[in-house]
């Protein structure tokens, strides 16, 4: 039942992605609702665990995370793209280990959701990193080069920030931060 629900949600996400090329130029209205980030990402990872059975995909969700006021379809697009990229990068070396961490952070005067996606793939050429979120920049043989540009746009539409860097050992670390409204209490997390 859970996988069926995930497949239905993935089909909706694919419909959204098909329209992404035209949407990139036009800013669609965000339809915000309360979203449980942990459940959203868990559903997405269930789909990818089935699609990539040889990959090791770990999920760490901090307890007590408040709901996020966001567009769930647009967020699905972000996580689908980033996790697919990570799996494609790790499949090139015939293994795959991805860790996704979801937490709420209180830091001085700003509270935010933080999502980390780390893989042990091939990494990104250093000369591409400064422009990796720009349209048509890619290090893949296939693809449009719009995936990460769309990710950045959606994250920014949610007043968030996204960054990407090569890990010191091997692979890539993507960090996303979305603001938490002050009306929501946040558990304090040590950085």
C-alpha atoms as a PDB file:
ATOM      1  CA  UNK A   1       0.000   0.000   0.000  1.00  0.00           C
ATOM      2  CA  UNK A   2       2.816   2.353   0.893  1.00  0.00           C
ATOM      3  CA  UNK A   3       4.705   1.622  -2.336  1.00  0.00           C
ATOM      4  CA  UNK A   4       1.520   2.131  -4.365  1.00  0.00           C
ATOM      5  CA  UNK A   5       1.018   5.521  -2.713  1.00  0.00           C
ATOM      6  CA  UNK A   6       4.651   6.387  -3.410  1.00  0.00           C
ATOM      7  CA  UNK A   7       4.315   5.401  -7.077  1.00  0.00           C
ATOM      8  CA  UNK A   8       1.209   7.568  -7.446  1.00  0.00           C
ATOM      9  CA  UNK A   9       3.055  10.494  -5.869  1.00  0.00           C
ATOM     10  CA  UNK A  10       6.062   9.873  -8.118  1.00  0.00           C
ATOM     11  CA  UNK A  11       3.821   9.967 -11.197  1.00  0.00           C
ATOM     12  CA  UNK A  12       2.545  13.355 -10.039  1.00  0.00           C
ATOM     13  CA  UNK A  13       6.126  14.482  -9.583  1.00  0.00           C
ATOM     14  CA  UNK A  14       7.017  13.282 -13.086  1.00  0.00           C
ATOM     15  CA  UNK A  15       4.128  15.258 -14.527  1.00  0.00           C
ATOM     16  CA  UNK A  16       5.517  18.292 -12.770  1.00  0.00           C
ATOM     17  CA  UNK A  17       9.009  17.557 -14.081  1.00  0.00           C
ATOM     18  CA  UNK A  18       7.751  17.217 -17.656  1.00  0.00           C
ATOM     19  CA  UNK A  19       6.469  20.768 -17.389  1.00  0.00           C
ATOM     20  CA  UNK A  20       9.715  21.993 -15.822  1.00  0.00           C
ATOM     21  CA  UNK A  21      11.254  23.160 -19.064  1.00  0.00           C
ATOM     22  CA  UNK A  22       8.498  25.679 -19.666  1.00  0.00           C
ATOM     23  CA  UNK A  23       8.127  26.418 -15.963  1.00  0.00           C
ATOM     24  CA  UNK A  24      11.758  27.368 -15.615  1.00  0.00           C
ATOM     25  CA  UNK A  25      11.138  30.631 -17.449  1.00  0.00           C
ATOM     26  CA  UNK A  26       7.821  31.258 -15.676  1.00  0.00           C
ATOM     27  CA  UNK A  27       7.501  31.351 -11.912  1.00  0.00           C
ATOM     28  CA  UNK A  28       4.499  29.167 -11.042  1.00  0.00           C
ATOM     29  CA  UNK A  29       2.501  29.999  -7.959  1.00  0.00           C
ATOM     30  CA  UNK A  30       3.574  27.963  -4.958  1.00  0.00           C
ATOM     31  CA  UNK A  31       0.739  26.126  -3.258  1.00  0.00           C
ATOM     32  CA  UNK A  32       1.822  26.023   0.351  1.00  0.00           C
ATOM     33  CA  UNK A  33       0.501  23.577   2.897  1.00  0.00           C
ATOM     34  CA  UNK A  34       1.800  21.915   6.034  1.00  0.00           C
ATOM     35  CA  UNK A  35       4.373  19.305   5.020  1.00  0.00           C
ATOM     36  CA  UNK A  36       6.027  16.674   7.181  1.00  0.00           C
ATOM     37  CA  UNK A  37       9.541  16.700   5.679  1.00  0.00           C
ATOM     38  CA  UNK A  38      10.442  13.369   7.231  1.00  0.00           C
ATOM     39  CA  UNK A  39       7.477  11.539   5.706  1.00  0.00           C
ATOM     40  CA  UNK A  40       7.916  13.271   2.340  1.00  0.00           C
ATOM     41  CA  UNK A  41      11.569  12.266   2.063  1.00  0.00           C
ATOM     42  CA  UNK A  42      10.883   8.784   3.417  1.00  0.00           C
ATOM     43  CA  UNK A  43       8.293   8.199   0.656  1.00  0.00           C
ATOM     44  CA  UNK A  44      10.731   9.388  -2.000  1.00  0.00           C
ATOM     45  CA  UNK A  45      13.512   7.168  -0.661  1.00  0.00           C
ATOM     46  CA  UNK A  46      11.181   4.138  -0.624  1.00  0.00           C
ATOM     47  CA  UNK A  47      10.729   4.589  -4.361  1.00  0.00           C
ATOM     48  CA  UNK A  48      14.473   4.875  -5.004  1.00  0.00           C
ATOM     49  CA  UNK A  49      15.275   1.884  -2.779  1.00  0.00           C
ATOM     50  CA  UNK A  50      13.046  -0.188  -5.050  1.00  0.00           C
ATOM     51  CA  UNK A  51      14.459   1.320  -8.249  1.00  0.00           C
ATOM     52  CA  UNK A  52      18.102   0.954  -7.091  1.00  0.00           C
ATOM     53  CA  UNK A  53      18.153  -2.239  -4.987  1.00  0.00           C
ATOM     54  CA  UNK A  54      21.980  -2.437  -4.899  1.00  0.00           C
ATOM     55  CA  UNK A  55      22.324   1.031  -3.380  1.00  0.00           C
ATOM     56  CA  UNK A  56      22.553   1.620   0.354  1.00  0.00           C
ATOM     57  CA  UNK A  57      20.279   4.514   1.248  1.00  0.00           C
ATOM     58  CA  UNK A  58      20.177   5.706   4.851  1.00  0.00           C
ATOM     59  CA  UNK A  59      17.776   8.237   6.347  1.00  0.00           C
ATOM     60  CA  UNK A  60      18.313  10.041   9.641  1.00  0.00           C
ATOM     61  CA  UNK A  61      15.374  12.154  10.822  1.00  0.00           C
ATOM     62  CA  UNK A  62      15.709  14.220  13.953  1.00  0.00           C
ATOM     63  CA  UNK A  63      12.798  13.669  16.343  1.00  0.00           C
ATOM     64  CA  UNK A  64      10.368  16.514  16.957  1.00  0.00           C
ATOM     65  CA  UNK A  65      10.825  18.316  13.653  1.00  0.00           C
ATOM     66  CA  UNK A  66       7.957  20.752  13.055  1.00  0.00           C
ATOM     67  CA  UNK A  67       5.979  20.702   9.837  1.00  0.00           C
ATOM     68  CA  UNK A  68       7.143  22.969   7.033  1.00  0.00           C
ATOM     69  CA  UNK A  69       4.880  25.403   5.210  1.00  0.00           C
ATOM     70  CA  UNK A  70       5.760  24.433   1.631  1.00  0.00           C
ATOM     71  CA  UNK A  71       4.598  23.153  -1.730  1.00  0.00           C
ATOM     72  CA  UNK A  72       4.959  19.351  -1.453  1.00  0.00           C
ATOM     73  CA  UNK A  73       5.026  18.736  -5.223  1.00  0.00           C
ATOM     74  CA  UNK A  74       7.789  21.294  -5.735  1.00  0.00           C
ATOM     75  CA  UNK A  75       9.784  19.858  -2.813  1.00  0.00           C
ATOM     76  CA  UNK A  76       9.368  16.359  -4.252  1.00  0.00           C
ATOM     77  CA  UNK A  77      10.895  17.682  -7.458  1.00  0.00           C
ATOM     78  CA  UNK A  78      13.916  18.953  -5.501  1.00  0.00           C
ATOM     79  CA  UNK A  79      14.512  15.722  -3.585  1.00  0.00           C
ATOM     80  CA  UNK A  80      13.838  13.484  -6.595  1.00  0.00           C
ATOM     81  CA  UNK A  81      16.406  15.375  -8.630  1.00  0.00           C
ATOM     82  CA  UNK A  82      19.098  15.436  -5.936  1.00  0.00           C
ATOM     83  CA  UNK A  83      18.690  11.788  -4.927  1.00  0.00           C
ATOM     84  CA  UNK A  84      18.591  10.645  -8.545  1.00  0.00           C
ATOM     85  CA  UNK A  85      21.809  12.601  -9.194  1.00  0.00           C
ATOM     86  CA  UNK A  86      23.460  10.993  -6.164  1.00  0.00           C
ATOM     87  CA  UNK A  87      22.396   7.499  -7.233  1.00  0.00           C
ATOM     88  CA  UNK A  88      23.595   8.048 -10.788  1.00  0.00           C
ATOM     89  CA  UNK A  89      26.960   9.279  -9.489  1.00  0.00           C
ATOM     90  CA  UNK A  90      27.372   6.267  -7.209  1.00  0.00           C
ATOM     91  CA  UNK A  91      26.203   3.750  -9.815  1.00  0.00           C
ATOM     92  CA  UNK A  92      29.097   4.825 -12.041  1.00  0.00           C
ATOM     93  CA  UNK A  93      31.445   3.222  -9.517  1.00  0.00           C
ATOM     94  CA  UNK A  94      29.215   0.122  -9.179  1.00  0.00           C
ATOM     95  CA  UNK A  95      28.135   0.755  -5.627  1.00  0.00           C
ATOM     96  CA  UNK A  96      26.157   3.357  -3.882  1.00  0.00           C
ATOM     97  CA  UNK A  97      25.921   4.782  -0.441  1.00  0.00           C
ATOM     98  CA  UNK A  98      23.704   7.764   0.217  1.00  0.00           C
ATOM     99  CA  UNK A  99      22.867   9.357   3.538  1.00  0.00           C
ATOM    100  CA  UNK A 100      19.999  11.833   3.912  1.00  0.00           C
ATOM    101  CA  UNK A 101      19.791  13.790   7.173  1.00  0.00           C
ATOM    102  CA  UNK A 102      16.757  15.897   8.091  1.00  0.00           C
ATOM    103  CA  UNK A 103      16.914  18.137  11.135  1.00  0.00           C
ATOM    104  CA  UNK A 104      15.789  21.401  12.648  1.00  0.00           C
ATOM    105  CA  UNK A 105      18.506  23.753  13.829  1.00  0.00           C
ATOM    106  CA  UNK A 106      18.497  26.718  16.164  1.00  0.00           C
ATOM    107  CA  UNK A 107      21.522  28.886  15.489  1.00  0.00           C
ATOM    108  CA  UNK A 108      21.878  32.266  17.213  1.00  0.00           C
ATOM    109  CA  UNK A 109      18.774  34.127  15.961  1.00  0.00           C
ATOM    110  CA  UNK A 110      17.792  31.968  13.001  1.00  0.00           C
ATOM    111  CA  UNK A 111      15.889  28.691  13.055  1.00  0.00           C
ATOM    112  CA  UNK A 112      15.917  26.529   9.973  1.00  0.00           C
ATOM    113  CA  UNK A 113      15.260  23.115   8.537  1.00  0.00           C
ATOM    114  CA  UNK A 114      18.466  21.543   7.284  1.00  0.00           C
ATOM    115  CA  UNK A 115      18.561  18.670   4.827  1.00  0.00           C
ATOM    116  CA  UNK A 116      21.898  17.079   3.982  1.00  0.00           C
ATOM    117  CA  UNK A 117      22.322  14.628   1.118  1.00  0.00           C
ATOM    118  CA  UNK A 118      25.722  12.944   0.967  1.00  0.00           C
ATOM    119  CA  UNK A 119      26.920  10.338  -1.509  1.00  0.00           C
ATOM    120  CA  UNK A 120      30.181   8.514  -2.119  1.00  0.00           C
ATOM    121  CA  UNK A 121      30.059   8.921  -5.889  1.00  0.00           C
ATOM    122  CA  UNK A 122      32.495  10.318  -8.374  1.00  0.00           C
ATOM    123  CA  UNK A 123      32.107  13.957  -7.316  1.00  0.00           C
ATOM    124  CA  UNK A 124      31.934  17.021  -9.551  1.00  0.00           C
ATOM    125  CA  UNK A 125      34.868  18.566 -11.398  1.00  0.00           C
ATOM    126  CA  UNK A 126      36.130  21.509  -9.335  1.00  0.00           C
ATOM    127  CA  UNK A 127      35.840  23.912 -12.275  1.00  0.00           C
ATOM    128  CA  UNK A 128      32.073  23.200 -12.553  1.00  0.00           C
ATOM    129  CA  UNK A 129      31.176  23.765  -8.892  1.00  0.00           C
ATOM    130  CA  UNK A 130      30.942  27.600  -9.029  1.00  0.00           C
ATOM    131  CA  UNK A 131      28.407  27.402 -11.887  1.00  0.00           C
ATOM    132  CA  UNK A 132      26.733  24.046 -11.146  1.00  0.00           C
ATOM    133  CA  UNK A 133      23.339  25.630 -10.340  1.00  0.00           C
ATOM    134  CA  UNK A 134      23.235  27.624 -13.579  1.00  0.00           C
ATOM    135  CA  UNK A 135      21.049  26.425 -16.472  1.00  0.00           C
ATOM    136  CA  UNK A 136      22.610  23.994 -18.947  1.00  0.00           C
ATOM    137  CA  UNK A 137      25.681  23.266 -16.777  1.00  0.00           C
ATOM    138  CA  UNK A 138      26.218  19.532 -16.381  1.00  0.00           C
ATOM    139  CA  UNK A 139      28.944  16.916 -16.165  1.00  0.00           C
ATOM    140  CA  UNK A 140      26.650  14.136 -17.415  1.00  0.00           C
ATOM    141  CA  UNK A 141      26.538  12.710 -20.922  1.00  0.00           C
ATOM    142  CA  UNK A 142      22.745  12.697 -20.844  1.00  0.00           C
ATOM    143  CA  UNK A 143      20.367  15.303 -19.488  1.00  0.00           C
ATOM    144  CA  UNK A 144      19.445  18.905 -20.106  1.00  0.00           C
ATOM    145  CA  UNK A 145      21.552  20.605 -17.470  1.00  0.00           C
ATOM    146  CA  UNK A 146      18.406  22.128 -15.963  1.00  0.00           C
ATOM    147  CA  UNK A 147      18.014  19.798 -12.989  1.00  0.00           C
ATOM    148  CA  UNK A 148      20.147  21.678 -10.468  1.00  0.00           C
ATOM    149  CA  UNK A 149      19.015  25.060 -11.817  1.00  0.00           C
ATOM    150  CA  UNK A 150      15.422  23.999 -11.113  1.00  0.00           C
ATOM    151  CA  UNK A 151      16.440  22.729  -7.658  1.00  0.00           C
ATOM    152  CA  UNK A 152      17.977  26.103  -6.816  1.00  0.00           C
ATOM    153  CA  UNK A 153      14.942  27.976  -8.113  1.00  0.00           C
ATOM    154  CA  UNK A 154      12.479  25.896  -6.070  1.00  0.00           C
ATOM    155  CA  UNK A 155      14.600  26.159  -2.923  1.00  0.00           C
ATOM    156  CA  UNK A 156      14.790  29.938  -3.353  1.00  0.00           C
ATOM    157  CA  UNK A 157      11.021  30.106  -3.926  1.00  0.00           C
ATOM    158  CA  UNK A 158      10.744  28.609  -0.444  1.00  0.00           C
ATOM    159  CA  UNK A 159      13.148  31.303   0.875  1.00  0.00           C
ATOM    160  CA  UNK A 160      15.859  28.687   1.300  1.00  0.00           C
ATOM    161  CA  UNK A 161      19.442  28.238   0.189  1.00  0.00           C
ATOM    162  CA  UNK A 162      21.198  25.280  -1.379  1.00  0.00           C
ATOM    163  CA  UNK A 163      24.891  24.568  -1.708  1.00  0.00           C
ATOM    164  CA  UNK A 164      26.954  21.736  -3.094  1.00  0.00           C
ATOM    165  CA  UNK A 165      30.541  20.750  -2.489  1.00  0.00           C
ATOM    166  CA  UNK A 166      32.821  17.801  -3.017  1.00  0.00           C
ATOM    167  CA  UNK A 167      33.515  15.893   0.187  1.00  0.00           C
ATOM    168  CA  UNK A 168      37.129  15.619   1.271  1.00  0.00           C
ATOM    169  CA  UNK A 169      37.146  11.833   0.932  1.00  0.00           C
ATOM    170  CA  UNK A 170      34.869  11.026  -2.001  1.00  0.00           C
ATOM    171  CA  UNK A 171      31.483  12.129  -3.279  1.00  0.00           C
ATOM    172  CA  UNK A 172      29.271  15.172  -2.930  1.00  0.00           C
ATOM    173  CA  UNK A 173      27.479  16.870  -0.049  1.00  0.00           C
ATOM    174  CA  UNK A 174      24.362  18.914  -0.793  1.00  0.00           C
ATOM    175  CA  UNK A 175      23.104  21.187   1.987  1.00  0.00           C
ATOM    176  CA  UNK A 176      19.674  22.832   1.937  1.00  0.00           C
ATOM    177  CA  UNK A 177      18.346  25.219   4.552  1.00  0.00           C
ATOM    178  CA  UNK A 178      14.788  26.496   4.784  1.00  0.00           C
ATOM    179  CA  UNK A 179      13.651  29.055   7.371  1.00  0.00           C
ATOM    180  CA  UNK A 180      11.384  28.039  10.224  1.00  0.00           C
ATOM    181  CA  UNK A 181       8.877  30.653  11.318  1.00  0.00           C
ATOM    182  CA  UNK A 182       9.422  31.987  14.834  1.00  0.00           C
ATOM    183  CA  UNK A 183       6.025  30.705  15.940  1.00  0.00           C
ATOM    184  CA  UNK A 184       7.361  27.148  15.814  1.00  0.00           C
ATOM    185  CA  UNK A 185       9.594  25.987  18.635  1.00  0.00           C
ATOM    186  CA  UNK A 186      12.706  24.176  17.537  1.00  0.00           C
ATOM    187  CA  UNK A 187      14.865  21.664  19.305  1.00  0.00           C
ATOM    188  CA  UNK A 188      18.399  22.942  19.669  1.00  0.00           C
ATOM    189  CA  UNK A 189      20.972  20.932  17.783  1.00  0.00           C
ATOM    190  CA  UNK A 190      24.696  21.179  18.203  1.00  0.00           C
ATOM    191  CA  UNK A 191      26.453  21.888  14.928  1.00  0.00           C
END
